[in-house]
């Protein structure tokens, strides 16, 4: 999984934190605080802080989804708007992995034999 604040910090500087699901609550909190732009989440230069608990909950839930559903090859949530007392996911894009067959044999319906005429 990857996490970063949108904008120039990610686009120009590659300010992204990575984690391997399943993530614990401690892992999620550390991942969010690992990005260099994280002080913006907590009220940088007099700006109000955002609902970090809601953001941690979202990242934790996506971690569980990634671990439980391997058929989801990728999931991008953007933009995610986090305000002082709320969070909203405004866009999402998911890519599913191609189906994998567990049996090597061709499947066929059994032939039904009807009454002879």
C-alpha atoms as a PDB file:
ATOM      1  CA  UNK A   1       0.000   0.000   0.000  1.00  0.00           C
ATOM      2  CA  UNK A   2       1.070   3.570  -0.519  1.00  0.00           C
ATOM      3  CA  UNK A   3      -0.038   6.791   1.136  1.00  0.00           C
ATOM      4  CA  UNK A   4       0.704  10.400   0.294  1.00  0.00           C
ATOM      5  CA  UNK A   5      -0.846  13.829   0.485  1.00  0.00           C
ATOM      6  CA  UNK A   6      -1.933  15.058  -2.914  1.00  0.00           C
ATOM      7  CA  UNK A   7      -0.297  17.915  -4.699  1.00  0.00           C
ATOM      8  CA  UNK A   8       3.274  18.987  -5.282  1.00  0.00           C
ATOM      9  CA  UNK A   9       4.676  16.977  -2.363  1.00  0.00           C
ATOM     10  CA  UNK A  10       3.766  13.713  -4.066  1.00  0.00           C
ATOM     11  CA  UNK A  11       4.069  14.799  -7.692  1.00  0.00           C
ATOM     12  CA  UNK A  12       7.466  16.510  -7.517  1.00  0.00           C
ATOM     13  CA  UNK A  13       9.129  15.056  -4.451  1.00  0.00           C
ATOM     14  CA  UNK A  14       7.739  11.517  -4.325  1.00  0.00           C
ATOM     15  CA  UNK A  15       6.640  12.054  -0.719  1.00  0.00           C
ATOM     16  CA  UNK A  16       4.958   8.675  -0.276  1.00  0.00           C
ATOM     17  CA  UNK A  17       4.944   6.122   2.552  1.00  0.00           C
ATOM     18  CA  UNK A  18       4.603   2.404   1.904  1.00  0.00           C
ATOM     19  CA  UNK A  19       3.315  -0.520   3.966  1.00  0.00           C
ATOM     20  CA  UNK A  20       2.586  -4.203   3.417  1.00  0.00           C
ATOM     21  CA  UNK A  21      -0.920  -5.395   4.343  1.00  0.00           C
ATOM     22  CA  UNK A  22      -2.232  -6.441   6.705  1.00  0.00           C
ATOM     23  CA  UNK A  23      -1.351  -3.285   8.638  1.00  0.00           C
ATOM     24  CA  UNK A  24      -1.922  -2.935  12.374  1.00  0.00           C
ATOM     25  CA  UNK A  25      -3.249   0.281  13.909  1.00  0.00           C
ATOM     26  CA  UNK A  26       0.330   1.149  14.874  1.00  0.00           C
ATOM     27  CA  UNK A  27       1.528   0.517  11.290  1.00  0.00           C
ATOM     28  CA  UNK A  28      -1.219   2.755   9.870  1.00  0.00           C
ATOM     29  CA  UNK A  29      -0.465   5.605  12.284  1.00  0.00           C
ATOM     30  CA  UNK A  30       3.257   5.378  11.507  1.00  0.00           C
ATOM     31  CA  UNK A  31       2.629   5.241   7.753  1.00  0.00           C
ATOM     32  CA  UNK A  32       0.513   8.404   7.813  1.00  0.00           C
ATOM     33  CA  UNK A  33       3.078  10.243   9.946  1.00  0.00           C
ATOM     34  CA  UNK A  34       6.033   9.022   7.818  1.00  0.00           C
ATOM     35  CA  UNK A  35       5.346  11.339   4.866  1.00  0.00           C
ATOM     36  CA  UNK A  36       7.275  14.608   5.098  1.00  0.00           C
ATOM     37  CA  UNK A  37       4.093  16.637   4.512  1.00  0.00           C
ATOM     38  CA  UNK A  38       2.334  15.010   7.521  1.00  0.00           C
ATOM     39  CA  UNK A  39       2.529  18.190   9.668  1.00  0.00           C
ATOM     40  CA  UNK A  40      -0.138  19.644   7.347  1.00  0.00           C
ATOM     41  CA  UNK A  41      -2.576  17.056   8.744  1.00  0.00           C
ATOM     42  CA  UNK A  42      -2.077  18.266  12.305  1.00  0.00           C
ATOM     43  CA  UNK A  43      -2.455  22.016  11.758  1.00  0.00           C
ATOM     44  CA  UNK A  44       0.655  23.403  10.119  1.00  0.00           C
ATOM     45  CA  UNK A  45       1.249  27.168  10.485  1.00  0.00           C
ATOM     46  CA  UNK A  46      -2.079  27.912  12.099  1.00  0.00           C
ATOM     47  CA  UNK A  47      -4.213  25.947   9.648  1.00  0.00           C
ATOM     48  CA  UNK A  48      -6.789  23.688  11.324  1.00  0.00           C
ATOM     49  CA  UNK A  49      -5.881  20.039  11.730  1.00  0.00           C
ATOM     50  CA  UNK A  50      -7.895  17.345  10.005  1.00  0.00           C
ATOM     51  CA  UNK A  51      -9.682  14.228  11.241  1.00  0.00           C
ATOM     52  CA  UNK A  52      -6.595  12.013  11.376  1.00  0.00           C
ATOM     53  CA  UNK A  53      -8.540   9.266  13.162  1.00  0.00           C
ATOM     54  CA  UNK A  54     -10.932   9.006  10.189  1.00  0.00           C
ATOM     55  CA  UNK A  55      -7.964   8.934   7.797  1.00  0.00           C
ATOM     56  CA  UNK A  56      -6.300   6.176   9.832  1.00  0.00           C
ATOM     57  CA  UNK A  57      -9.575   4.224   9.811  1.00  0.00           C
ATOM     58  CA  UNK A  58      -9.805   4.505   6.013  1.00  0.00           C
ATOM     59  CA  UNK A  59      -6.213   3.367   5.469  1.00  0.00           C
ATOM     60  CA  UNK A  60      -6.735   0.488   7.899  1.00  0.00           C
ATOM     61  CA  UNK A  61      -9.894  -0.633   6.128  1.00  0.00           C
ATOM     62  CA  UNK A  62      -8.192  -0.537   2.720  1.00  0.00           C
ATOM     63  CA  UNK A  63      -5.383  -2.619   4.213  1.00  0.00           C
ATOM     64  CA  UNK A  64      -7.891  -5.262   5.318  1.00  0.00           C
ATOM     65  CA  UNK A  65      -9.544  -5.183   1.886  1.00  0.00           C
ATOM     66  CA  UNK A  66      -6.161  -5.641   0.168  1.00  0.00           C
ATOM     67  CA  UNK A  67      -5.322  -8.588   2.404  1.00  0.00           C
ATOM     68  CA  UNK A  68      -8.749 -10.281   2.198  1.00  0.00           C
ATOM     69  CA  UNK A  69      -9.421  -9.799  -1.520  1.00  0.00           C
ATOM     70  CA  UNK A  70      -6.375 -10.729  -3.616  1.00  0.00           C
ATOM     71  CA  UNK A  71      -8.510 -10.422  -6.747  1.00  0.00           C
ATOM     72  CA  UNK A  72      -8.331  -6.615  -6.311  1.00  0.00           C
ATOM     73  CA  UNK A  73      -5.076  -5.897  -8.155  1.00  0.00           C
ATOM     74  CA  UNK A  74      -5.098  -2.174  -7.387  1.00  0.00           C
ATOM     75  CA  UNK A  75      -7.295   0.394  -5.688  1.00  0.00           C
ATOM     76  CA  UNK A  76      -6.752   4.123  -5.922  1.00  0.00           C
ATOM     77  CA  UNK A  77      -8.812   6.500  -3.798  1.00  0.00           C
ATOM     78  CA  UNK A  78      -8.439  10.039  -5.093  1.00  0.00           C
ATOM     79  CA  UNK A  79      -9.350  12.563  -4.122  1.00  0.00           C
ATOM     80  CA  UNK A  80      -9.909  11.908  -0.450  1.00  0.00           C
ATOM     81  CA  UNK A  81     -10.991  15.104   1.284  1.00  0.00           C
ATOM     82  CA  UNK A  82     -10.241  15.243   5.002  1.00  0.00           C
ATOM     83  CA  UNK A  83     -11.685  18.102   7.044  1.00  0.00           C
ATOM     84  CA  UNK A  84     -11.418  18.829  10.778  1.00  0.00           C
ATOM     85  CA  UNK A  85     -14.401  16.591  11.595  1.00  0.00           C
ATOM     86  CA  UNK A  86     -15.054  14.492   8.495  1.00  0.00           C
ATOM     87  CA  UNK A  87     -13.639  12.525   5.599  1.00  0.00           C
ATOM     88  CA  UNK A  88     -15.039  11.910   2.122  1.00  0.00           C
ATOM     89  CA  UNK A  89     -13.753   9.716  -0.698  1.00  0.00           C
ATOM     90  CA  UNK A  90     -14.733  11.546  -3.872  1.00  0.00           C
ATOM     91  CA  UNK A  91     -13.226   9.180  -6.421  1.00  0.00           C
ATOM     92  CA  UNK A  92     -12.129   5.573  -6.608  1.00  0.00           C
ATOM     93  CA  UNK A  93     -10.624   3.340  -9.277  1.00  0.00           C
ATOM     94  CA  UNK A  94     -10.238  -0.413  -8.859  1.00  0.00           C
ATOM     95  CA  UNK A  95      -8.527  -2.907 -11.131  1.00  0.00           C
ATOM     96  CA  UNK A  96      -9.365  -6.582 -10.811  1.00  0.00           C
ATOM     97  CA  UNK A  97      -6.789  -9.293 -11.414  1.00  0.00           C
ATOM     98  CA  UNK A  98      -7.574 -11.777 -14.166  1.00  0.00           C
ATOM     99  CA  UNK A  99      -9.389 -14.850 -12.872  1.00  0.00           C
ATOM    100  CA  UNK A 100      -7.164 -17.777 -12.012  1.00  0.00           C
ATOM    101  CA  UNK A 101      -8.280 -21.322 -12.715  1.00  0.00           C
ATOM    102  CA  UNK A 102      -7.425 -23.851 -10.070  1.00  0.00           C
ATOM    103  CA  UNK A 103      -8.199 -26.875 -12.214  1.00  0.00           C
ATOM    104  CA  UNK A 104      -6.171 -27.714 -15.286  1.00  0.00           C
ATOM    105  CA  UNK A 105      -8.945 -29.611 -17.026  1.00  0.00           C
ATOM    106  CA  UNK A 106     -11.564 -28.262 -19.356  1.00  0.00           C
ATOM    107  CA  UNK A 107     -15.000 -27.955 -17.860  1.00  0.00           C
ATOM    108  CA  UNK A 108     -17.909 -29.524 -19.725  1.00  0.00           C
ATOM    109  CA  UNK A 109     -21.564 -29.985 -18.941  1.00  0.00           C
ATOM    110  CA  UNK A 110     -22.599 -33.602 -18.641  1.00  0.00           C
ATOM    111  CA  UNK A 111     -24.504 -34.948 -21.612  1.00  0.00           C
ATOM    112  CA  UNK A 112     -28.074 -35.748 -20.759  1.00  0.00           C
ATOM    113  CA  UNK A 113     -29.460 -38.793 -22.421  1.00  0.00           C
ATOM    114  CA  UNK A 114     -33.130 -38.633 -23.136  1.00  0.00           C
ATOM    115  CA  UNK A 115     -35.549 -41.418 -24.018  1.00  0.00           C
ATOM    116  CA  UNK A 116     -34.596 -43.247 -27.192  1.00  0.00           C
ATOM    117  CA  UNK A 117     -36.864 -42.707 -30.142  1.00  0.00           C
END
